[in-house]
C-alpha atoms as a PDB file:
ATOM      1  CA  UNK A   1      -0.885  13.002  12.588  1.00  0.00           C
ATOM      2  CA  UNK A   2      -0.561  14.824   9.225  1.00  0.00           C
ATOM      3  CA  UNK A   3      -1.898  11.994   6.820  1.00  0.00           C
ATOM      4  CA  UNK A   4      -4.158  12.416   3.828  1.00  0.00           C
ATOM      5  CA  UNK A   5      -5.384  10.823   1.007  1.00  0.00           C
ATOM      6  CA  UNK A   6      -6.028  12.758  -2.324  1.00  0.00           C
ATOM      7  CA  UNK A   7      -7.595  11.524  -5.740  1.00  0.00           C
ATOM      8  CA  UNK A   8      -6.218  13.833  -8.352  1.00  0.00           C
ATOM      9  CA  UNK A   9      -5.040  13.958 -12.103  1.00  0.00           C
ATOM     10  CA  UNK A  10      -1.316  14.441 -12.745  1.00  0.00           C
ATOM     11  CA  UNK A  11      -0.818  17.615 -14.844  1.00  0.00           C
ATOM     12  CA  UNK A  12       3.035  17.719 -15.139  1.00  0.00           C
ATOM     13  CA  UNK A  13       4.900  14.354 -15.791  1.00  0.00           C
ATOM     14  CA  UNK A  14       7.114  13.224 -12.796  1.00  0.00           C
ATOM     15  CA  UNK A  15      10.836  14.626 -12.970  1.00  0.00           C
ATOM     16  CA  UNK A  16      13.269  12.430 -11.260  1.00  0.00           C
ATOM     17  CA  UNK A  17      16.565  14.124 -10.014  1.00  0.00           C
ATOM     18  CA  UNK A  18      19.019  13.308  -7.490  1.00  0.00           C
ATOM     19  CA  UNK A  19      20.094  15.080  -4.017  1.00  0.00           C
ATOM     20  CA  UNK A  20      23.624  16.348  -4.237  1.00  0.00           C
ATOM     21  CA  UNK A  21      24.957  14.988  -1.049  1.00  0.00           C
ATOM     22  CA  UNK A  22      24.103  11.014  -1.052  1.00  0.00           C
ATOM     23  CA  UNK A  23      22.270  10.857  -4.469  1.00  0.00           C
ATOM     24  CA  UNK A  24      18.994  10.068  -3.127  1.00  0.00           C
ATOM     25  CA  UNK A  25      16.336   9.906  -6.052  1.00  0.00           C
ATOM     26  CA  UNK A  26      13.720  12.677  -5.938  1.00  0.00           C
ATOM     27  CA  UNK A  27      10.422  12.639  -8.056  1.00  0.00           C
ATOM     28  CA  UNK A  28       8.442  15.856  -8.379  1.00  0.00           C
ATOM     29  CA  UNK A  29       5.033  16.448 -10.443  1.00  0.00           C
ATOM     30  CA  UNK A  30       2.210  18.518 -10.227  1.00  0.00           C
ATOM     31  CA  UNK A  31      -1.469  17.482  -9.922  1.00  0.00           C
ATOM     32  CA  UNK A  32      -4.932  18.928  -9.919  1.00  0.00           C
ATOM     33  CA  UNK A  33      -7.933  18.372  -8.305  1.00  0.00           C
ATOM     34  CA  UNK A  34     -11.435  19.869  -8.588  1.00  0.00           C
ATOM     35  CA  UNK A  35     -12.647  22.779  -6.439  1.00  0.00           C
ATOM     36  CA  UNK A  36     -14.744  22.108  -3.355  1.00  0.00           C
ATOM     37  CA  UNK A  37     -17.589  24.304  -4.492  1.00  0.00           C
ATOM     38  CA  UNK A  38     -19.407  24.583  -7.804  1.00  0.00           C
ATOM     39  CA  UNK A  39     -17.893  27.366  -9.749  1.00  0.00           C
ATOM     40  CA  UNK A  40     -14.577  26.804  -7.999  1.00  0.00           C
ATOM     41  CA  UNK A  41     -11.722  26.079 -10.404  1.00  0.00           C
ATOM     42  CA  UNK A  42      -9.281  22.987 -10.400  1.00  0.00           C
ATOM     43  CA  UNK A  43      -6.606  23.482  -7.643  1.00  0.00           C
ATOM     44  CA  UNK A  44      -2.942  22.345  -8.187  1.00  0.00           C
ATOM     45  CA  UNK A  45      -0.435  21.057  -5.772  1.00  0.00           C
ATOM     46  CA  UNK A  46       3.181  19.864  -5.956  1.00  0.00           C
ATOM     47  CA  UNK A  47       3.771  16.439  -5.039  1.00  0.00           C
ATOM     48  CA  UNK A  48       7.107  14.975  -3.982  1.00  0.00           C
ATOM     49  CA  UNK A  49       8.255  11.220  -3.731  1.00  0.00           C
ATOM     50  CA  UNK A  50      11.738  10.037  -2.265  1.00  0.00           C
ATOM     51  CA  UNK A  51      13.957   6.774  -2.735  1.00  0.00           C
ATOM     52  CA  UNK A  52      12.613   3.746  -4.219  1.00  0.00           C
ATOM     53  CA  UNK A  53       9.245   5.316  -4.481  1.00  0.00           C
ATOM     54  CA  UNK A  54      10.554   8.170  -6.604  1.00  0.00           C
ATOM     55  CA  UNK A  55      11.897   5.728  -9.256  1.00  0.00           C
ATOM     56  CA  UNK A  56       8.652   3.926  -9.237  1.00  0.00           C
ATOM     57  CA  UNK A  57       6.775   7.182 -10.013  1.00  0.00           C
ATOM     58  CA  UNK A  58       9.015   8.172 -12.568  1.00  0.00           C
ATOM     59  CA  UNK A  59       8.725   4.838 -14.483  1.00  0.00           C
ATOM     60  CA  UNK A  60       4.982   4.147 -14.140  1.00  0.00           C
ATOM     61  CA  UNK A  61       2.947   7.355 -13.916  1.00  0.00           C
ATOM     62  CA  UNK A  62       2.680  10.055 -16.535  1.00  0.00           C
ATOM     63  CA  UNK A  63       0.548  13.245 -17.302  1.00  0.00           C
ATOM     64  CA  UNK A  64      -3.091  12.713 -17.560  1.00  0.00           C
ATOM     65  CA  UNK A  65      -3.285   9.760 -15.381  1.00  0.00           C
ATOM     66  CA  UNK A  66      -5.683   9.787 -12.297  1.00  0.00           C
ATOM     67  CA  UNK A  67      -3.929   8.665  -9.168  1.00  0.00           C
ATOM     68  CA  UNK A  68      -4.595   8.057  -5.599  1.00  0.00           C
ATOM     69  CA  UNK A  69      -2.129   9.712  -3.249  1.00  0.00           C
ATOM     70  CA  UNK A  70      -1.336   8.783   0.405  1.00  0.00           C
ATOM     71  CA  UNK A  71       1.060  11.219   2.480  1.00  0.00           C
ATOM     72  CA  UNK A  72       1.750  14.224   4.332  1.00  0.00           C
ATOM     73  CA  UNK A  73       0.809  17.760   3.699  1.00  0.00           C
ATOM     74  CA  UNK A  74       3.426  20.652   4.208  1.00  0.00           C
ATOM     75  CA  UNK A  75       3.182  24.489   3.547  1.00  0.00           C
ATOM     76  CA  UNK A  76       6.078  26.154   2.016  1.00  0.00           C
ATOM     77  CA  UNK A  77       6.682  30.054   2.164  1.00  0.00           C
ATOM     78  CA  UNK A  78       8.143  31.339  -0.994  1.00  0.00           C
ATOM     79  CA  UNK A  79       9.146  34.994  -1.520  1.00  0.00           C
ATOM     80  CA  UNK A  80       7.881  36.527  -4.785  1.00  0.00           C
ATOM     81  CA  UNK A  81       9.480  38.939  -6.903  1.00  0.00           C
ATOM     82  CA  UNK A  82       6.762  41.149  -6.565  1.00  0.00           C
ATOM     83  CA  UNK A  83       7.860  41.846  -2.870  1.00  0.00           C
ATOM     84  CA  UNK A  84       5.274  39.552  -1.213  1.00  0.00           C
ATOM     85  CA  UNK A  85       5.355  36.251   0.473  1.00  0.00           C
ATOM     86  CA  UNK A  86       2.932  33.321  -0.865  1.00  0.00           C
ATOM     87  CA  UNK A  87       2.130  29.957   0.824  1.00  0.00           C
ATOM     88  CA  UNK A  88       2.290  26.920  -1.218  1.00  0.00           C
ATOM     89  CA  UNK A  89       1.104  23.652  -0.490  1.00  0.00           C
ATOM     90  CA  UNK A  90       3.122  20.515  -1.032  1.00  0.00           C
ATOM     91  CA  UNK A  91       2.454  16.893  -0.501  1.00  0.00           C
ATOM     92  CA  UNK A  92       5.167  14.364   0.413  1.00  0.00           C
ATOM     93  CA  UNK A  93       3.775  11.078  -0.980  1.00  0.00           C
ATOM     94  CA  UNK A  94       4.235   7.875   0.911  1.00  0.00           C
ATOM     95  CA  UNK A  95       2.297   5.599  -1.067  1.00  0.00           C
ATOM     96  CA  UNK A  96       0.719   5.929  -4.780  1.00  0.00           C
ATOM     97  CA  UNK A  97      -2.084   4.159  -6.456  1.00  0.00           C
ATOM     98  CA  UNK A  98      -3.355   4.134 -10.086  1.00  0.00           C
ATOM     99  CA  UNK A  99      -6.957   5.090 -10.047  1.00  0.00           C
ATOM    100  CA  UNK A 100      -7.794   2.849 -12.605  1.00  0.00           C
ATOM    101  CA  UNK A 101      -7.041  -0.174 -10.619  1.00  0.00           C
ATOM    102  CA  UNK A 102      -8.775   0.864  -7.397  1.00  0.00           C
ATOM    103  CA  UNK A 103     -11.933  -1.232  -8.466  1.00  0.00           C
ATOM    104  CA  UNK A 104      -9.591  -4.186  -7.931  1.00  0.00           C
ATOM    105  CA  UNK A 105      -7.804  -3.136  -4.980  1.00  0.00           C
ATOM    106  CA  UNK A 106      -8.486  -4.203  -1.384  1.00  0.00           C
ATOM    107  CA  UNK A 107      -7.150  -2.026   1.514  1.00  0.00           C
ATOM    108  CA  UNK A 108      -5.800  -4.160   4.389  1.00  0.00           C
ATOM    109  CA  UNK A 109      -4.861  -2.495   7.621  1.00  0.00           C
ATOM    110  CA  UNK A 110      -1.002  -1.630   8.037  1.00  0.00           C
ATOM    111  CA  UNK A 111       0.993  -4.774   9.254  1.00  0.00           C
ATOM    112  CA  UNK A 112       1.726  -2.857  12.688  1.00  0.00           C
ATOM    113  CA  UNK A 113      -2.086  -3.495  13.592  1.00  0.00           C
ATOM    114  CA  UNK A 114      -3.327  -6.799  14.795  1.00  0.00           C
ATOM    115  CA  UNK A 115      -5.892  -8.564  12.497  1.00  0.00           C
ATOM    116  CA  UNK A 116      -9.027  -9.427  14.377  1.00  0.00           C
ATOM    117  CA  UNK A 117      -9.481 -13.026  14.903  1.00  0.00           C
ATOM    118  CA  UNK A 118     -12.786 -15.164  14.165  1.00  0.00           C
ATOM    119  CA  UNK A 119     -12.733 -16.136  17.840  1.00  0.00           C
ATOM    120  CA  UNK A 120     -12.805 -12.685  19.196  1.00  0.00           C
ATOM    121  CA  UNK A 121     -15.980 -11.669  17.540  1.00  0.00           C
ATOM    122  CA  UNK A 122     -19.187 -13.049  18.633  1.00  0.00           C
ATOM    123  CA  UNK A 123     -21.258 -14.567  15.770  1.00  0.00           C
ATOM    124  CA  UNK A 124     -24.530 -12.624  16.872  1.00  0.00           C
ATOM    125  CA  UNK A 125     -24.486  -9.669  19.004  1.00  0.00           C
ATOM    126  CA  UNK A 126     -25.207 -10.315  22.572  1.00  0.00           C
ATOM    127  CA  UNK A 127     -27.410  -8.285  24.645  1.00  0.00           C
ATOM    128  CA  UNK A 128     -25.507  -6.570  27.547  1.00  0.00           C
ATOM    129  CA  UNK A 129     -26.024  -7.912  30.990  1.00  0.00           C
ATOM    130  CA  UNK A 130     -28.335  -5.998  33.207  1.00  0.00           C
ATOM    131  CA  UNK A 131     -26.667  -3.647  35.861  1.00  0.00           C
ATOM    132  CA  UNK A 132     -28.047  -3.791  39.230  1.00  0.00           C
ATOM    133  CA  UNK A 133     -27.145  -0.877  41.526  1.00  0.00           C
ATOM    134  CA  UNK A 134     -26.712  -1.473  45.300  1.00  0.00           C
ATOM    135  CA  UNK A 135     -28.944   0.421  47.567  1.00  0.00           C
ATOM    136  CA  UNK A 136     -27.017   2.856  49.852  1.00  0.00           C
ATOM    137  CA  UNK A 137     -27.184   1.910  53.418  1.00  0.00           C
ATOM    138  CA  UNK A 138     -29.389   3.960  55.669  1.00  0.00           C
ATOM    139  CA  UNK A 139     -26.849   4.290  58.506  1.00  0.00           C
ATOM    140  CA  UNK A 140     -23.315   3.900  57.089  1.00  0.00           C
ATOM    141  CA  UNK A 141     -20.269   3.042  59.393  1.00  0.00           C
ATOM    142  CA  UNK A 142     -17.731   5.540  58.369  1.00  0.00           C
ATOM    143  CA  UNK A 143     -15.344   3.942  61.093  1.00  0.00           C
ATOM    144  CA  UNK A 144     -14.740   0.810  58.763  1.00  0.00           C
ATOM    145  CA  UNK A 145     -13.300   2.614  56.089  1.00  0.00           C
ATOM    146  CA  UNK A 146      -9.630   1.929  55.458  1.00  0.00           C
ATOM    147  CA  UNK A 147      -7.207   4.892  54.623  1.00  0.00           C
END
């Protein structure tokens, strides 16, 4: 499954627009995050949010804010005027969190996952029961094997 989380800074303020067919809200913005190696510059990526999340993004987030993004990554191929094709990464955000409030945020499993109960877990780890292996018979009777 294509799902990732990324801590980034919003570079370009979210722009809210609507689709032409059914007027679904779409928010687009650009984020940047530091390079992986020392000396690498910051990488930028376009982020898209749909529906009610798009309206929330546009209302609550602005340029310069650090956010934690959860969503899917996609690669888009764009024809450049120079005559070559360029691949650009884009994230479709499913959840967004303000990085300033991460200290007070508690992560919980999705509702579809069952919560572990207190009775299912032993209070202290028990030692595994010893396994005894049966000795093979000296003269097995192959006629008694059901097929």
